[in-house]
Amino acid sequence: GRVLLASINSMSRWHKPQGKLSASGVVEQFVDIVLGGL
């Protein structure tokens, strides 16, 4: 759970709202990676 939530809790320090990926797009990729390991 901590690993998953870290993807959002740390986002304000590096993610640019107008960047290539939206926040939801970033988290969706992160979830795919973590679920693949679970």
All heavy atoms as atom14 arrays in JSON, in Angstrom:
{
  "sequence": "GRVLLASINSMSRWHKPQGKLSASGVVEQFVDIVLGGL",
  "atom14_mask": [
    [1, 1, 1, 1, 0, 0, 0, 0, 0, 0, 0, 0, 0, 0],
    [1, 1, 1, 1, 1, 1, 1, 1, 1, 1, 1, 0, 0, 0],
    [1, 1, 1, 1, 1, 1, 1, 0, 0, 0, 0, 0, 0, 0],
    [1, 1, 1, 1, 1, 1, 1, 1, 0, 0, 0, 0, 0, 0],
    [1, 1, 1, 1, 1, 1, 1, 1, 0, 0, 0, 0, 0, 0],
    [1, 1, 1, 1, 1, 0, 0, 0, 0, 0, 0, 0, 0, 0],
    [1, 1, 1, 1, 1, 1, 0, 0, 0, 0, 0, 0, 0, 0],
    [1, 1, 1, 1, 1, 1, 1, 1, 0, 0, 0, 0, 0, 0],
    [1, 1, 1, 1, 1, 1, 1, 1, 0, 0, 0, 0, 0, 0],
    [1, 1, 1, 1, 1, 1, 0, 0, 0, 0, 0, 0, 0, 0],
    [1, 1, 1, 1, 1, 1, 1, 1, 0, 0, 0, 0, 0, 0],
    [1, 1, 1, 1, 1, 1, 0, 0, 0, 0, 0, 0, 0, 0],
    [1, 1, 1, 1, 1, 1, 1, 1, 1, 1, 1, 0, 0, 0],
    [1, 1, 1, 1, 1, 1, 1, 1, 1, 1, 1, 1, 1, 1],
    [1, 1, 1, 1, 1, 1, 1, 1, 1, 1, 0, 0, 0, 0],
    [1, 1, 1, 1, 1, 1, 1, 1, 1, 0, 0, 0, 0, 0],
    [1, 1, 1, 1, 1, 1, 1, 0, 0, 0, 0, 0, 0, 0],
    [1, 1, 1, 1, 1, 1, 1, 1, 1, 0, 0, 0, 0, 0],
    [1, 1, 1, 1, 0, 0, 0, 0, 0, 0, 0, 0, 0, 0],
    [1, 1, 1, 1, 1, 1, 1, 1, 1, 0, 0, 0, 0, 0],
    [1, 1, 1, 1, 1, 1, 1, 1, 0, 0, 0, 0, 0, 0],
    [1, 1, 1, 1, 1, 1, 0, 0, 0, 0, 0, 0, 0, 0],
    [1, 1, 1, 1, 1, 0, 0, 0, 0, 0, 0, 0, 0, 0],
    [1, 1, 1, 1, 1, 1, 0, 0, 0, 0, 0, 0, 0, 0],
    [1, 1, 1, 1, 0, 0, 0, 0, 0, 0, 0, 0, 0, 0],
    [1, 1, 1, 1, 1, 1, 1, 0, 0, 0, 0, 0, 0, 0],
    [1, 1, 1, 1, 1, 1, 1, 0, 0, 0, 0, 0, 0, 0],
    [1, 1, 1, 1, 1, 1, 1, 1, 1, 0, 0, 0, 0, 0],
    [1, 1, 1, 1, 1, 1, 1, 1, 1, 0, 0, 0, 0, 0],
    [1, 1, 1, 1, 1, 1, 1, 1, 1, 1, 1, 0, 0, 0],
    [1, 1, 1, 1, 1, 1, 1, 0, 0, 0, 0, 0, 0, 0],
    [1, 1, 1, 1, 1, 1, 1, 1, 0, 0, 0, 0, 0, 0],
    [1, 1, 1, 1, 1, 1, 1, 1, 0, 0, 0, 0, 0, 0],
    [1, 1, 1, 1, 1, 1, 1, 0, 0, 0, 0, 0, 0, 0],
    [1, 1, 1, 1, 1, 1, 1, 1, 0, 0, 0, 0, 0, 0],
    [1, 1, 1, 1, 0, 0, 0, 0, 0, 0, 0, 0, 0, 0],
    [1, 1, 1, 1, 0, 0, 0, 0, 0, 0, 0, 0, 0, 0],
    [1, 1, 1, 1, 1, 1, 1, 1, 0, 0, 0, 0, 0, 0]
  ],
  "atom14_positions": [
    [[0.81, -1.21, 0.0], [0.0, 0.0, 0.0], [0.85, 1.26, 0.0], [0.55, 2.23, -0.71], [0.0, 0.0, 0.0], [0.0, 0.0, 0.0], [0.0, 0.0, 0.0], [0.0, 0.0, 0.0], [0.0, 0.0, 0.0], [0.0, 0.0, 0.0], [0.0, 0.0, 0.0], [0.0, 0.0, 0.0], [0.0, 0.0, 0.0], [0.0, 0.0, 0.0]],
    [[1.93, 1.25, 0.78], [2.81, 2.41, 0.83], [3.48, 2.65, -0.52], [3.65, 3.79, -0.95], [3.87, 2.22, 1.91], [3.33, 2.27, 3.33], [4.47, 2.32, 4.34], [3.94, 2.22, 5.71], [3.94, 1.11, 6.43], [4.43, 0.0, 5.91], [3.45, 1.1, 7.65], [0.0, 0.0, 0.0], [0.0, 0.0, 0.0], [0.0, 0.0, 0.0]],
    [[3.89, 1.56, -1.18], [4.52, 1.69, -2.49], [3.55, 2.33, -3.47], [3.92, 3.24, -4.24], [4.99, 0.31, -3.01], [5.42, 0.41, -4.47], [6.14, -0.2, -2.16], [0.0, 0.0, 0.0], [0.0, 0.0, 0.0], [0.0, 0.0, 0.0], [0.0, 0.0, 0.0], [0.0, 0.0, 0.0], [0.0, 0.0, 0.0], [0.0, 0.0, 0.0]],
    [[2.31, 1.89, -3.48], [1.31, 2.44, -4.38], [1.04, 3.92, -4.09], [1.04, 4.76, -4.99], [0.02, 1.64, -4.28], [0.03, 0.27, -4.98], [-1.12, -0.59, -4.49], [-0.07, 0.45, -6.49], [0.0, 0.0, 0.0], [0.0, 0.0, 0.0], [0.0, 0.0, 0.0], [0.0, 0.0, 0.0], [0.0, 0.0, 0.0], [0.0, 0.0, 0.0]],
    [[0.83, 4.25, -2.83], [0.49, 5.62, -2.47], [1.65, 6.58, -2.67], [1.44, 7.78, -2.89], [-0.01, 5.68, -1.03], [-1.38, 5.02, -0.8], [-1.73, 5.03, 0.69], [-2.47, 5.74, -1.58], [0.0, 0.0, 0.0], [0.0, 0.0, 0.0], [0.0, 0.0, 0.0], [0.0, 0.0, 0.0], [0.0, 0.0, 0.0], [0.0, 0.0, 0.0]],
    [[2.87, 6.05, -2.63], [4.03, 6.91, -2.84], [4.02, 7.53, -4.23], [4.56, 8.62, -4.45], [5.32, 6.12, -2.63], [0.0, 0.0, 0.0], [0.0, 0.0, 0.0], [0.0, 0.0, 0.0], [0.0, 0.0, 0.0], [0.0, 0.0, 0.0], [0.0, 0.0, 0.0], [0.0, 0.0, 0.0], [0.0, 0.0, 0.0], [0.0, 0.0, 0.0]],
    [[3.39, 6.85, -5.19], [3.36, 7.38, -6.56], [2.59, 8.69, -6.62], [2.87, 9.54, -7.47], [2.72, 6.35, -7.5], [1.35, 6.14, -7.18], [0.0, 0.0, 0.0], [0.0, 0.0, 0.0], [0.0, 0.0, 0.0], [0.0, 0.0, 0.0], [0.0, 0.0, 0.0], [0.0, 0.0, 0.0], [0.0, 0.0, 0.0], [0.0, 0.0, 0.0]],
    [[1.62, 8.87, -5.72], [0.84, 10.11, -5.7], [1.41, 11.09, -4.69], [1.53, 12.29, -4.97], [-0.64, 9.81, -5.37], [-1.25, 8.93, -6.47], [-1.43, 11.11, -5.22], [-2.67, 8.54, -6.22], [0.0, 0.0, 0.0], [0.0, 0.0, 0.0], [0.0, 0.0, 0.0], [0.0, 0.0, 0.0], [0.0, 0.0, 0.0], [0.0, 0.0, 0.0]],
    [[1.8, 10.59, -3.54], [2.28, 11.49, -2.49], [3.54, 12.24, -2.88], [3.8, 13.33, -2.37], [2.51, 10.7, -1.2], [1.22, 10.2, -0.58], [0.17, 10.8, -0.75], [1.29, 9.1, 0.14], [0.0, 0.0, 0.0], [0.0, 0.0, 0.0], [0.0, 0.0, 0.0], [0.0, 0.0, 0.0], [0.0, 0.0, 0.0], [0.0, 0.0, 0.0]],
    [[4.34, 11.66, -3.76], [5.57, 12.33, -4.19], [5.39, 13.16, -5.44], [6.3, 13.87, -5.86], [6.66, 11.28, -4.44], [6.3, 10.44, -5.53], [0.0, 0.0, 0.0], [0.0, 0.0, 0.0], [0.0, 0.0, 0.0], [0.0, 0.0, 0.0], [0.0, 0.0, 0.0], [0.0, 0.0, 0.0], [0.0, 0.0, 0.0], [0.0, 0.0, 0.0]],
    [[4.23, 13.1, -6.05], [4.04, 13.69, -7.36], [4.19, 15.21, -7.39], [4.68, 15.79, -8.36], [2.68, 13.3, -7.93], [2.56, 13.53, -9.43], [1.0, 12.92, -10.08], [1.18, 11.18, -9.75], [0.0, 0.0, 0.0], [0.0, 0.0, 0.0], [0.0, 0.0, 0.0], [0.0, 0.0, 0.0], [0.0, 0.0, 0.0], [0.0, 0.0, 0.0]],
    [[3.79, 15.87, -6.32], [3.86, 17.33, -6.3], [5.28, 17.85, -6.39], [5.51, 19.0, -6.75], [3.19, 17.88, -5.03], [3.9, 17.45, -3.87], [0.0, 0.0, 0.0], [0.0, 0.0, 0.0], [0.0, 0.0, 0.0], [0.0, 0.0, 0.0], [0.0, 0.0, 0.0], [0.0, 0.0, 0.0], [0.0, 0.0, 0.0], [0.0, 0.0, 0.0]],
    [[6.27, 16.98, -6.08], [7.67, 17.41, -6.1], [8.31, 17.32, -7.48], [9.37, 17.9, -7.7], [8.48, 16.57, -5.1], [8.05, 16.76, -3.64], [9.09, 16.23, -2.68], [9.2, 14.79, -2.72], [8.47, 13.96, -1.95], [7.59, 14.46, -1.12], [8.64, 12.65, -2.03], [0.0, 0.0, 0.0], [0.0, 0.0, 0.0], [0.0, 0.0, 0.0]],
    [[7.66, 16.59, -8.4], [8.31, 16.45, -9.71], [7.37, 16.53, -10.91], [7.8, 16.89, -12.01], [9.06, 15.11, -9.78], [8.17, 13.9, -9.65], [7.83, 13.25, -8.51], [7.49, 13.22, -10.71], [6.98, 12.2, -8.78], [6.77, 12.15, -10.14], [7.44, 13.39, -12.11], [5.99, 11.28, -10.89], [6.67, 12.52, -12.86], [5.96, 11.48, -12.24]],
    [[6.1, 16.23, -10.72], [5.19, 16.18, -11.87], [4.75, 17.57, -12.29], [4.38, 18.41, -11.46], [3.95, 15.35, -11.52], [2.96, 15.27, -12.64], [1.81, 16.03, -12.67], [2.96, 14.54, -13.79], [1.14, 15.77, -13.77], [1.81, 14.87, -14.47], [0.0, 0.0, 0.0], [0.0, 0.0, 0.0], [0.0, 0.0, 0.0], [0.0, 0.0, 0.0]],
    [[4.79, 17.84, -13.59], [4.35, 19.11, -14.15], [2.94, 18.93, -14.7], [2.73, 18.1, -15.6], [5.3, 19.57, -15.25], [6.69, 19.94, -14.76], [7.58, 20.41, -15.92], [8.91, 20.94, -15.4], [9.64, 19.95, -14.6], [0.0, 0.0, 0.0], [0.0, 0.0, 0.0], [0.0, 0.0, 0.0], [0.0, 0.0, 0.0], [0.0, 0.0, 0.0]],
    [[1.96, 19.69, -14.18], [0.57, 19.52, -14.62], [0.4, 19.63, -16.13], [-0.49, 19.0, -16.7], [-0.16, 20.65, -13.88], [0.67, 20.91, -12.68], [2.09, 20.69, -13.12], [0.0, 0.0, 0.0], [0.0, 0.0, 0.0], [0.0, 0.0, 0.0], [0.0, 0.0, 0.0], [0.0, 0.0, 0.0], [0.0, 0.0, 0.0], [0.0, 0.0, 0.0]],
    [[1.23, 20.45, -16.8], [1.11, 20.63, -18.24], [2.08, 19.74, -19.01], [2.34, 19.98, -20.19], [1.38, 22.11, -18.6], [0.51, 23.1, -17.86], [-0.98, 22.8, -17.98], [-1.45, 22.43, -19.05], [-1.71, 22.96, -16.89], [0.0, 0.0, 0.0], [0.0, 0.0, 0.0], [0.0, 0.0, 0.0], [0.0, 0.0, 0.0], [0.0, 0.0, 0.0]],
    [[2.63, 18.74, -18.36], [3.6, 17.87, -18.99], [2.98, 16.85, -19.91], [1.76, 16.87, -20.19], [0.0, 0.0, 0.0], [0.0, 0.0, 0.0], [0.0, 0.0, 0.0], [0.0, 0.0, 0.0], [0.0, 0.0, 0.0], [0.0, 0.0, 0.0], [0.0, 0.0, 0.0], [0.0, 0.0, 0.0], [0.0, 0.0, 0.0], [0.0, 0.0, 0.0]],
    [[3.81, 15.93, -20.39], [3.37, 14.93, -21.37], [2.29, 14.04, -20.81], [1.33, 13.68, -21.51], [4.58, 14.1, -21.8], [4.26, 13.02, -22.83], [5.52, 12.25, -23.21], [5.2, 11.14, -24.21], [6.42, 10.37, -24.58], [0.0, 0.0, 0.0], [0.0, 0.0, 0.0], [0.0, 0.0, 0.0], [0.0, 0.0, 0.0], [0.0, 0.0, 0.0]],
    [[2.41, 13.65, -19.55], [1.43, 12.76, -18.92], [0.66, 13.49, -17.84], [1.24, 14.27, -17.07], [2.13, 11.54, -18.3], [2.61, 10.44, -19.24], [3.37, 9.39, -18.44], [1.44, 9.78, -19.97], [0.0, 0.0, 0.0], [0.0, 0.0, 0.0], [0.0, 0.0, 0.0], [0.0, 0.0, 0.0], [0.0, 0.0, 0.0], [0.0, 0.0, 0.0]],
    [[-0.63, 13.23, -17.77], [-1.43, 13.75, -16.67], [-1.09, 12.98, -15.4], [-0.43, 11.93, -15.45], [-2.92, 13.59, -16.98], [-3.26, 12.21, -17.01], [0.0, 0.0, 0.0], [0.0, 0.0, 0.0], [0.0, 0.0, 0.0], [0.0, 0.0, 0.0], [0.0, 0.0, 0.0], [0.0, 0.0, 0.0], [0.0, 0.0, 0.0], [0.0, 0.0, 0.0]],
    [[-1.55, 13.48, -14.27], [-1.33, 12.77, -13.02], [-1.96, 11.37, -13.08], [-1.38, 10.38, -12.64], [-1.9, 13.56, -11.85], [0.0, 0.0, 0.0], [0.0, 0.0, 0.0], [0.0, 0.0, 0.0], [0.0, 0.0, 0.0], [0.0, 0.0, 0.0], [0.0, 0.0, 0.0], [0.0, 0.0, 0.0], [0.0, 0.0, 0.0], [0.0, 0.0, 0.0]],
    [[-3.15, 11.3, -13.66], [-3.82, 10.01, -13.78], [-3.05, 9.07, -14.71], [-2.96, 7.86, -14.46], [-5.25, 10.2, -14.3], [-6.03, 10.93, -13.37], [0.0, 0.0, 0.0], [0.0, 0.0, 0.0], [0.0, 0.0, 0.0], [0.0, 0.0, 0.0], [0.0, 0.0, 0.0], [0.0, 0.0, 0.0], [0.0, 0.0, 0.0], [0.0, 0.0, 0.0]],
    [[-2.47, 9.63, -15.77], [-1.67, 8.81, -16.68], [-0.44, 8.26, -16.01], [-0.06, 7.1, -16.24], [0.0, 0.0, 0.0], [0.0, 0.0, 0.0], [0.0, 0.0, 0.0], [0.0, 0.0, 0.0], [0.0, 0.0, 0.0], [0.0, 0.0, 0.0], [0.0, 0.0, 0.0], [0.0, 0.0, 0.0], [0.0, 0.0, 0.0], [0.0, 0.0, 0.0]],
    [[0.21, 9.08, -15.18], [1.39, 8.62, -14.44], [1.01, 7.49, -13.5], [1.66, 6.44, -13.45], [2.02, 9.78, -13.65], [3.1, 9.26, -12.69], [2.63, 10.81, -14.59], [0.0, 0.0, 0.0], [0.0, 0.0, 0.0], [0.0, 0.0, 0.0], [0.0, 0.0, 0.0], [0.0, 0.0, 0.0], [0.0, 0.0, 0.0], [0.0, 0.0, 0.0]],
    [[-0.05, 7.7, -12.73], [-0.45, 6.71, -11.74], [-0.92, 5.43, -12.4], [-0.65, 4.33, -11.9], [-1.54, 7.29, -10.82], [-2.17, 6.2, -9.94], [-0.95, 8.39, -9.94], [0.0, 0.0, 0.0], [0.0, 0.0, 0.0], [0.0, 0.0, 0.0], [0.0, 0.0, 0.0], [0.0, 0.0, 0.0], [0.0, 0.0, 0.0], [0.0, 0.0, 0.0]],
    [[-1.58, 5.53, -13.55], [-2.02, 4.32, -14.24], [-0.83, 3.47, -14.64], [-0.85, 2.24, -14.49], [-2.86, 4.68, -15.46], [-3.4, 3.44, -16.16], [-4.6, 3.74, -17.04], [-4.76, 4.89, -17.46], [-5.38, 2.79, -17.3], [0.0, 0.0, 0.0], [0.0, 0.0, 0.0], [0.0, 0.0, 0.0], [0.0, 0.0, 0.0], [0.0, 0.0, 0.0]],
    [[0.23, 4.1, -15.14], [1.43, 3.33, -15.48], [2.06, 2.72, -14.23], [2.52, 1.57, -14.24], [2.44, 4.23, -16.19], [2.0, 4.63, -17.6], [3.15, 5.16, -18.43], [4.31, 4.88, -18.18], [2.81, 5.93, -19.46], [0.0, 0.0, 0.0], [0.0, 0.0, 0.0], [0.0, 0.0, 0.0], [0.0, 0.0, 0.0], [0.0, 0.0, 0.0]],
    [[2.11, 3.5, -13.16], [2.7, 3.01, -11.91], [1.91, 1.81, -11.38], [2.5, 0.81, -10.94], [2.7, 4.13, -10.88], [3.67, 3.93, -9.75], [4.93, 4.49, -9.78], [3.33, 3.19, -8.63], [5.83, 4.32, -8.74], [4.2, 2.99, -7.59], [5.46, 3.56, -7.64], [0.0, 0.0, 0.0], [0.0, 0.0, 0.0], [0.0, 0.0, 0.0]],
    [[0.58, 1.9, -11.44], [-0.26, 0.8, -10.98], [-0.03, -0.44, -11.82], [0.03, -1.57, -11.29], [-1.75, 1.21, -11.0], [-2.66, 0.0, -10.76], [-2.02, 2.28, -9.95], [0.0, 0.0, 0.0], [0.0, 0.0, 0.0], [0.0, 0.0, 0.0], [0.0, 0.0, 0.0], [0.0, 0.0, 0.0], [0.0, 0.0, 0.0], [0.0, 0.0, 0.0]],
    [[0.11, -0.27, -13.13], [0.39, -1.43, -13.99], [1.68, -2.13, -13.57], [1.74, -3.36, -13.53], [0.53, -0.97, -15.46], [-0.81, -0.66, -16.11], [-1.85, -1.15, -15.59], [-0.84, 0.06, -17.12], [0.0, 0.0, 0.0], [0.0, 0.0, 0.0], [0.0, 0.0, 0.0], [0.0, 0.0, 0.0], [0.0, 0.0, 0.0], [0.0, 0.0, 0.0]],
    [[2.7, -1.33, -13.26], [3.99, -1.9, -12.85], [3.85, -2.66, -11.53], [4.32, -3.8, -11.39], [5.05, -0.8, -12.73], [5.34, -0.2, -14.11], [6.32, -1.33, -12.09], [6.17, 1.07, -14.07], [0.0, 0.0, 0.0], [0.0, 0.0, 0.0], [0.0, 0.0, 0.0], [0.0, 0.0, 0.0], [0.0, 0.0, 0.0], [0.0, 0.0, 0.0]],
    [[3.2, -2.04, -10.55], [3.08, -2.66, -9.23], [2.18, -3.9, -9.28], [2.51, -4.94, -8.69], [2.54, -1.64, -8.2], [2.3, -2.33, -6.85], [3.53, -0.5, -8.02], [0.0, 0.0, 0.0], [0.0, 0.0, 0.0], [0.0, 0.0, 0.0], [0.0, 0.0, 0.0], [0.0, 0.0, 0.0], [0.0, 0.0, 0.0], [0.0, 0.0, 0.0]],
    [[1.07, -3.8, -10.0], [0.19, -4.96, -10.08], [0.88, -6.12, -10.79], [0.63, -7.29, -10.47], [-1.11, -4.59, -10.82], [-2.12, -3.74, -10.04], [-3.31, -3.4, -10.9], [-2.57, -4.45, -8.77], [0.0, 0.0, 0.0], [0.0, 0.0, 0.0], [0.0, 0.0, 0.0], [0.0, 0.0, 0.0], [0.0, 0.0, 0.0], [0.0, 0.0, 0.0]],
    [[1.75, -5.79, -11.74], [2.51, -6.85, -12.39], [3.37, -7.62, -11.41], [3.56, -8.83, -11.53], [0.0, 0.0, 0.0], [0.0, 0.0, 0.0], [0.0, 0.0, 0.0], [0.0, 0.0, 0.0], [0.0, 0.0, 0.0], [0.0, 0.0, 0.0], [0.0, 0.0, 0.0], [0.0, 0.0, 0.0], [0.0, 0.0, 0.0], [0.0, 0.0, 0.0]],
    [[3.89, -6.92, -10.4], [4.68, -7.58, -9.37], [3.86, -8.29, -8.33], [4.32, -9.24, -7.69], [0.0, 0.0, 0.0], [0.0, 0.0, 0.0], [0.0, 0.0, 0.0], [0.0, 0.0, 0.0], [0.0, 0.0, 0.0], [0.0, 0.0, 0.0], [0.0, 0.0, 0.0], [0.0, 0.0, 0.0], [0.0, 0.0, 0.0], [0.0, 0.0, 0.0]],
    [[2.6, -7.83, -8.14], [1.75, -8.44, -7.14], [1.06, -9.71, -7.63], [0.76, -10.61, -6.84], [0.66, -7.44, -6.7], [1.05, -6.34, -5.73], [-0.12, -5.39, -5.53], [1.46, -6.94, -4.39], [0.0, 0.0, 0.0], [0.0, 0.0, 0.0], [0.0, 0.0, 0.0], [0.0, 0.0, 0.0], [0.0, 0.0, 0.0], [0.0, 0.0, 0.0]]
  ]
}
